[in-house]
């Protein structure tokens, strides 16, 4: 995989995160479907974030992981994320979305996403810096 392909992976993640932020602007007390939209966009963003971590880590030879928890731990070890516990909280929220759906669970996931969505922004920024360094031929995990 070339660095330009990695950049495209990040651009896709950035677009998904932008759409998540759009959904978070809608007040779910006024438009109930905003919760569903936010959760759906969160799922996409989360999956794309961990695909990006996996691809970049593999490209750098920094390790391989196939589970969300393993990717969080790898990203933390590499310094790509700074708060492992908050990311594990996002993982827990992501895992809740694939189980029995209830209004209470939806609100819990929504609140977690609303409070922690900036973690995606931090990851995107860090990975963009990593790719920029790759393009400058300064490769290091």
Protein backbone atom coordinates (compact mmCIF):
# COMPACT_ATOMS: atom_id res chain seq x y z
CA UNK A 1 0.00 0.00 0.00
CA UNK A 2 1.39 3.37 -0.97
CA UNK A 3 1.27 6.48 1.18
CA UNK A 4 -1.26 8.05 -1.21
CA UNK A 5 -3.62 5.13 -0.60
CA UNK A 6 -3.23 5.71 3.13
CA UNK A 7 -4.12 9.35 2.58
CA UNK A 8 -7.32 8.25 0.82
CA UNK A 9 -8.21 6.03 3.78
CA UNK A 10 -7.88 9.09 6.02
CA UNK A 11 -9.92 11.29 3.67
CA UNK A 12 -12.75 8.75 3.84
CA UNK A 13 -12.50 8.77 7.64
CA UNK A 14 -12.51 12.60 7.68
CA UNK A 15 -15.69 12.68 5.56
CA UNK A 16 -17.42 10.16 7.83
CA UNK A 17 -16.43 12.16 10.90
CA UNK A 18 -17.76 15.35 9.29
CA UNK A 19 -21.10 13.63 8.74
CA UNK A 20 -21.11 12.45 12.36
CA UNK A 21 -20.58 16.03 13.52
CA UNK A 22 -23.48 17.15 11.30
CA UNK A 23 -25.78 14.62 12.98
CA UNK A 24 -24.66 15.81 16.41
CA UNK A 25 -25.87 19.34 15.58
CA UNK A 26 -29.48 18.14 15.50
CA UNK A 27 -31.24 18.25 18.87
CA UNK A 28 -32.61 14.74 19.49
CA UNK A 29 -35.28 16.14 21.83
CA UNK A 30 -36.73 17.98 18.83
CA UNK A 31 -36.02 15.42 16.11
CA UNK A 32 -36.03 11.91 17.56
CA UNK A 33 -34.49 10.33 14.46
CA UNK A 34 -31.34 12.36 15.19
CA UNK A 35 -30.32 9.69 17.71
CA UNK A 36 -30.58 6.97 15.08
CA UNK A 37 -28.69 9.06 12.53
CA UNK A 38 -25.95 9.85 15.04
CA UNK A 39 -25.57 6.20 16.02
CA UNK A 40 -25.41 5.08 12.38
CA UNK A 41 -22.79 7.70 11.54
CA UNK A 42 -20.86 6.84 14.68
CA UNK A 43 -20.74 3.18 13.61
CA UNK A 44 -19.34 4.14 10.19
CA UNK A 45 -16.81 6.53 11.70
CA UNK A 46 -15.67 4.04 14.31
CA UNK A 47 -15.17 1.26 11.76
CA UNK A 48 -13.27 3.55 9.40
CA UNK A 49 -11.07 4.78 12.27
CA UNK A 50 -10.01 1.26 13.13
CA UNK A 51 -9.49 0.29 9.50
CA UNK A 52 -7.20 3.32 9.17
CA UNK A 53 -5.25 2.36 12.31
CA UNK A 54 -4.88 -1.20 11.04
CA UNK A 55 -3.75 -0.19 7.54
CA UNK A 56 -1.26 2.42 8.70
CA UNK A 57 0.17 0.17 11.42
CA UNK A 58 0.58 -2.67 8.93
CA UNK A 59 2.18 -0.35 6.38
CA UNK A 60 4.69 0.81 8.98
CA UNK A 61 5.31 -2.72 10.20
CA UNK A 62 4.19 -1.57 13.65
CA UNK A 63 1.95 -4.54 14.35
CA UNK A 64 -1.21 -6.30 13.32
CA UNK A 65 -4.51 -6.45 15.15
CA UNK A 66 -7.85 -7.81 14.13
CA UNK A 67 -9.99 -6.77 17.09
CA UNK A 68 -11.20 -3.31 18.06
CA UNK A 69 -9.71 -3.66 21.53
CA UNK A 70 -6.37 -4.77 20.06
CA UNK A 71 -6.32 -1.80 17.68
CA UNK A 72 -7.03 0.59 20.54
CA UNK A 73 -4.17 -0.87 22.54
CA UNK A 74 -1.84 -0.71 19.52
CA UNK A 75 -2.81 2.89 18.73
CA UNK A 76 -2.23 3.82 22.37
CA UNK A 77 1.15 2.07 22.45
CA UNK A 78 2.17 3.91 19.26
CA UNK A 79 1.07 7.25 20.71
CA UNK A 80 -1.66 7.75 18.12
CA UNK A 81 -4.30 8.12 20.83
CA UNK A 82 -3.76 9.57 24.28
CA UNK A 83 -6.71 8.28 26.31
CA UNK A 84 -7.08 4.53 26.07
CA UNK A 85 -9.97 4.47 28.57
CA UNK A 86 -12.10 6.90 26.57
CA UNK A 87 -11.47 4.90 23.41
CA UNK A 88 -12.47 1.72 25.23
CA UNK A 89 -15.65 3.56 26.25
CA UNK A 90 -16.30 4.32 22.56
CA UNK A 91 -15.67 0.65 21.75
CA UNK A 92 -18.21 -0.36 24.38
CA UNK A 93 -20.72 2.08 22.88
CA UNK A 94 -20.01 0.66 19.43
CA UNK A 95 -20.56 -2.87 20.70
CA UNK A 96 -23.89 -1.86 22.26
CA UNK A 97 -25.18 -0.74 18.86
CA UNK A 98 -25.00 -4.26 17.48
CA UNK A 99 -27.16 -5.79 20.23
CA UNK A 100 -30.80 -5.48 21.19
CA UNK A 101 -31.97 -1.97 20.43
CA UNK A 102 -33.76 -0.01 23.12
CA UNK A 103 -34.44 3.67 23.61
CA UNK A 104 -32.41 3.71 26.83
CA UNK A 105 -29.41 2.08 25.15
CA UNK A 106 -29.70 4.50 22.22
CA UNK A 107 -29.60 7.50 24.58
CA UNK A 108 -26.56 6.05 26.39
CA UNK A 109 -24.69 5.56 23.12
CA UNK A 110 -25.75 9.02 21.93
CA UNK A 111 -24.49 10.66 25.14
CA UNK A 112 -21.16 8.83 24.91
CA UNK A 113 -20.70 9.85 21.28
CA UNK A 114 -21.70 13.45 22.01
CA UNK A 115 -19.17 13.65 24.87
CA UNK A 116 -16.29 11.79 23.22
CA UNK A 117 -16.53 12.38 19.45
CA UNK A 118 -13.52 14.73 19.50
CA UNK A 119 -11.38 11.62 19.99
CA UNK A 120 -11.87 10.96 16.27
CA UNK A 121 -10.61 14.44 15.47
CA UNK A 122 -7.46 13.85 17.52
CA UNK A 123 -6.83 10.48 15.87
CA UNK A 124 -7.35 11.93 12.38
CA UNK A 125 -4.92 14.74 13.11
CA UNK A 126 -2.28 12.36 14.44
CA UNK A 127 -2.63 9.98 11.50
CA UNK A 128 -2.50 12.86 9.01
CA UNK A 129 0.78 13.97 10.59
CA UNK A 130 2.07 10.40 10.34
CA UNK A 131 1.18 10.22 6.63
CA UNK A 132 2.77 13.63 5.99
CA UNK A 133 6.00 12.35 7.55
CA UNK A 134 5.79 9.23 5.42
CA UNK A 135 5.60 11.39 2.32
CA UNK A 136 8.66 13.28 3.57
CA UNK A 137 10.45 9.90 3.85
CA UNK A 138 10.66 10.05 7.64
CA UNK A 139 9.11 6.67 8.33
CA UNK A 140 8.86 5.64 11.98
CA UNK A 141 5.99 4.13 13.94
